[in-house]
Every structure is written in structure tokens, then in C-alpha cells.
């Protein structure tokens, strides 16, 4: 049986898959930059990868699209989404070092106004990344967060 030669299209898809595997939760513009593909080429190949169920795609509020390897669970993708956000990443990193922490300590460390800190803490709590008990914030699954922090390149 004769094997078919690898086409340029296959090479493009493989490059996209490699970038997604190496950086789970990567956004569309980041993929274009990492691969050097123009908008139309990236869009074409990503649509094929999504339709053929070779990648997971997460869309939020019609604005943010993130790409994940198939091996990424829903729980992991929720945590990765927060890790990739600058302010929430700072909160998570602070909690990794100072678990549990009070609101004032988190606010002081990440240097944001109280309303901003409160908003981001609410998003983390809603997603199940953190919990609050007696006004102290803590990570719910420390080992999973550490593992995902190692995987995610920001």
C-alpha cells in the first residue's frame, strides 16, 4: 500500500495542533502570531480541526475563543482560562504562596482597586478555582492548579 505524501494543508494543521498542545487555552490571535499564518489560512484550518473534532473550542460572550487539546477536561479548561488572564493569574500565584489569604492581602499584592479585586475573586469563586471560608480565600485544588500552571505558557 502506497502512503500519500504529506500535503501543505496537513503540515499547516499539524503546526496548529502542536501550538494548541504546547499552549492549551491559546487564543486565535496568539495562534496566528505563533504560526505566522495570515487570518484566512488560520481560520480555514482551525474550522476544519474543530469540525473534525481534533481540538476543543471554547467561546465566551461571542468575543473570546480559546483552543484546547482534546485531552483537556472542562474543569481544566476553566482553570486555564483564569491562568491566562493577567490579574487572575496574579491572584492565583499569590494564593499558591499564601494560602489562605485575606482580601486586603490579595489587594495589596496585586495592586488593583478593591472593586477590581472583588470582581476577579468572584469569577474565580464561580468557576470553582477558589473558595472562601471565614473571609479567607484558598485554592480548591492546589495540585491541579500547579500542574496546569506548568502546562500553560503565557
Protein backbone atom coordinates (compact mmCIF):
# COMPACT_ATOMS: atom_id res chain seq x y z
CA UNK A 1 0.00 0.00 0.00
CA UNK A 2 1.34 3.36 -1.04
CA UNK A 3 1.32 6.15 1.51
CA UNK A 4 0.26 9.56 0.35
CA UNK A 5 2.73 12.42 0.61
CA UNK A 6 2.16 14.94 3.37
CA UNK A 7 0.45 17.96 1.89
CA UNK A 8 1.00 21.57 2.86
CA UNK A 9 -2.52 21.58 4.32
CA UNK A 10 -1.65 18.66 6.60
CA UNK A 11 1.54 20.44 7.65
CA UNK A 12 -0.46 23.59 8.50
CA UNK A 13 -2.95 21.61 10.57
CA UNK A 14 -0.15 19.78 12.37
CA UNK A 15 1.55 23.07 13.20
CA UNK A 16 -1.71 24.42 14.65
CA UNK A 17 -2.25 21.21 16.64
CA UNK A 18 1.29 21.42 18.01
CA UNK A 19 0.80 25.05 19.10
CA UNK A 20 -2.52 24.17 20.78
CA UNK A 21 -0.97 21.17 22.54
CA UNK A 22 2.00 23.22 23.76
CA UNK A 23 -0.15 26.13 24.90
CA UNK A 24 -3.65 24.97 25.94
CA UNK A 25 -6.21 27.76 26.01
CA UNK A 26 -4.40 29.73 23.32
CA UNK A 27 -6.46 32.42 21.63
CA UNK A 28 -6.92 32.90 17.90
CA UNK A 29 -4.62 35.91 17.54
CA UNK A 30 -1.92 34.16 19.56
CA UNK A 31 -2.16 31.17 17.19
CA UNK A 32 -1.80 33.43 14.16
CA UNK A 33 1.27 35.05 15.69
CA UNK A 34 2.82 31.71 16.74
CA UNK A 35 2.32 30.09 13.33
CA UNK A 36 2.80 33.13 11.13
CA UNK A 37 -0.39 32.24 9.25
CA UNK A 38 -2.48 35.00 7.75
CA UNK A 39 -6.04 35.37 9.05
CA UNK A 40 -7.76 33.38 6.29
CA UNK A 41 -5.33 30.44 6.43
CA UNK A 42 -5.59 30.13 10.21
CA UNK A 43 -9.38 30.44 10.13
CA UNK A 44 -9.71 27.81 7.39
CA UNK A 45 -7.57 25.18 9.13
CA UNK A 46 -8.99 25.83 12.60
CA UNK A 47 -12.53 25.42 11.26
CA UNK A 48 -11.55 22.04 9.77
CA UNK A 49 -9.85 20.95 13.03
CA UNK A 50 -12.94 21.95 15.01
CA UNK A 51 -15.42 20.22 12.66
CA UNK A 52 -13.34 17.03 12.64
CA UNK A 53 -13.22 17.16 16.47
CA UNK A 54 -9.43 17.26 16.66
CA UNK A 55 -9.45 20.26 19.03
CA UNK A 56 -11.79 21.64 21.68
CA UNK A 57 -13.01 25.17 21.17
CA UNK A 58 -14.37 27.39 23.91
CA UNK A 59 -16.25 30.57 23.03
CA UNK A 60 -17.29 33.10 25.65
CA UNK A 61 -19.66 36.01 25.12
CA UNK A 62 -19.09 35.95 21.37
CA UNK A 63 -15.71 37.61 21.89
CA UNK A 64 -13.15 35.22 23.28
CA UNK A 65 -12.28 31.96 21.54
CA UNK A 66 -9.77 29.58 23.08
CA UNK A 67 -8.38 26.34 21.67
CA UNK A 68 -7.55 23.24 23.73
CA UNK A 69 -6.17 19.76 23.03
CA UNK A 70 -8.82 17.04 23.18
CA UNK A 71 -7.25 15.67 26.36
CA UNK A 72 -8.19 18.84 28.31
CA UNK A 73 -11.16 18.35 30.62
CA UNK A 74 -13.84 21.00 31.14
CA UNK A 75 -12.56 21.59 34.67
CA UNK A 76 -9.00 22.09 33.41
CA UNK A 77 -10.11 24.46 30.66
CA UNK A 78 -11.95 26.65 33.20
CA UNK A 79 -8.82 26.90 35.33
CA UNK A 80 -6.58 27.50 32.29
CA UNK A 81 -8.83 30.34 31.19
CA UNK A 82 -8.20 32.08 34.52
CA UNK A 83 -4.47 31.33 34.48
CA UNK A 84 -4.20 33.04 31.09
CA UNK A 85 -5.84 36.23 32.42
CA UNK A 86 -3.18 38.55 33.88
CA UNK A 87 -4.97 39.77 37.02
CA UNK A 88 -6.46 36.38 37.91
CA UNK A 89 -3.07 34.76 37.31
CA UNK A 90 -1.54 37.17 39.84
CA UNK A 91 -4.23 36.24 42.36
CA UNK A 92 -3.68 32.51 41.76
CA UNK A 93 0.10 32.88 42.09
CA UNK A 94 -0.33 34.83 45.33
CA UNK A 95 -2.66 32.14 46.71
CA UNK A 96 -0.16 29.44 45.78
CA UNK A 97 2.33 31.15 48.08
CA UNK A 98 -0.06 32.47 50.75
CA UNK A 99 -2.92 30.04 51.17
CA UNK A 100 -5.26 31.05 52.81
CA UNK A 101 -5.27 34.82 52.32
CA UNK A 102 -7.45 37.73 53.29
CA UNK A 103 -8.91 40.15 50.76
CA UNK A 104 -6.68 43.01 51.96
CA UNK A 105 -3.53 40.92 51.47
CA UNK A 106 -4.55 39.94 47.93
CA UNK A 107 -5.46 43.53 47.06
CA UNK A 108 -2.16 44.84 48.40
CA UNK A 109 -0.15 42.25 46.48
CA UNK A 110 -1.76 42.58 43.05
CA UNK A 111 -2.07 46.37 43.30
CA UNK A 112 -5.59 46.82 41.95
CA UNK A 113 -8.52 48.79 43.34
CA UNK A 114 -10.85 46.84 45.67
CA UNK A 115 -13.70 46.64 43.13
CA UNK A 116 -11.39 45.05 40.53
CA UNK A 117 -10.01 42.53 43.02
CA UNK A 118 -13.51 41.68 44.20
CA UNK A 119 -14.73 41.18 40.63
CA UNK A 120 -11.87 38.80 39.77
CA UNK A 121 -12.24 36.88 43.03
CA UNK A 122 -15.92 36.42 42.22
CA UNK A 123 -15.06 34.98 38.79
CA UNK A 124 -12.55 32.58 40.37
CA UNK A 125 -15.08 31.51 43.00
CA UNK A 126 -17.87 30.99 40.43
CA UNK A 127 -15.57 28.74 38.41
CA UNK A 128 -14.63 26.68 41.46
CA UNK A 129 -10.95 27.67 41.37
CA UNK A 130 -11.06 29.22 44.84
CA UNK A 131 -13.27 29.01 47.90
CA UNK A 132 -13.89 31.43 50.74
CA UNK A 133 -14.22 30.44 54.37
CA UNK A 134 -14.27 32.90 57.26
CA UNK A 135 -13.17 35.74 54.94
CA UNK A 136 -10.09 33.78 53.84
CA UNK A 137 -9.58 32.79 50.21
CA UNK A 138 -7.95 29.49 49.25
CA UNK A 139 -7.35 27.39 46.17
CA UNK A 140 -9.73 24.44 45.90
CA UNK A 141 -7.41 22.08 44.03
CA UNK A 142 -3.85 23.23 44.62
CA UNK A 143 -2.14 20.28 42.89
CA UNK A 144 -4.25 20.65 39.72
CA UNK A 145 -3.55 24.39 39.60
CA UNK A 146 0.19 23.79 39.97
CA UNK A 147 0.12 21.17 37.21
CA UNK A 148 -1.79 23.47 34.85
CA UNK A 149 0.47 26.44 35.63
CA UNK A 150 3.36 24.34 34.35
CA UNK A 151 1.49 23.49 31.13
CA UNK A 152 0.29 26.97 30.25
CA UNK A 153 2.67 29.30 28.50
CA UNK A 154 1.63 32.92 28.79
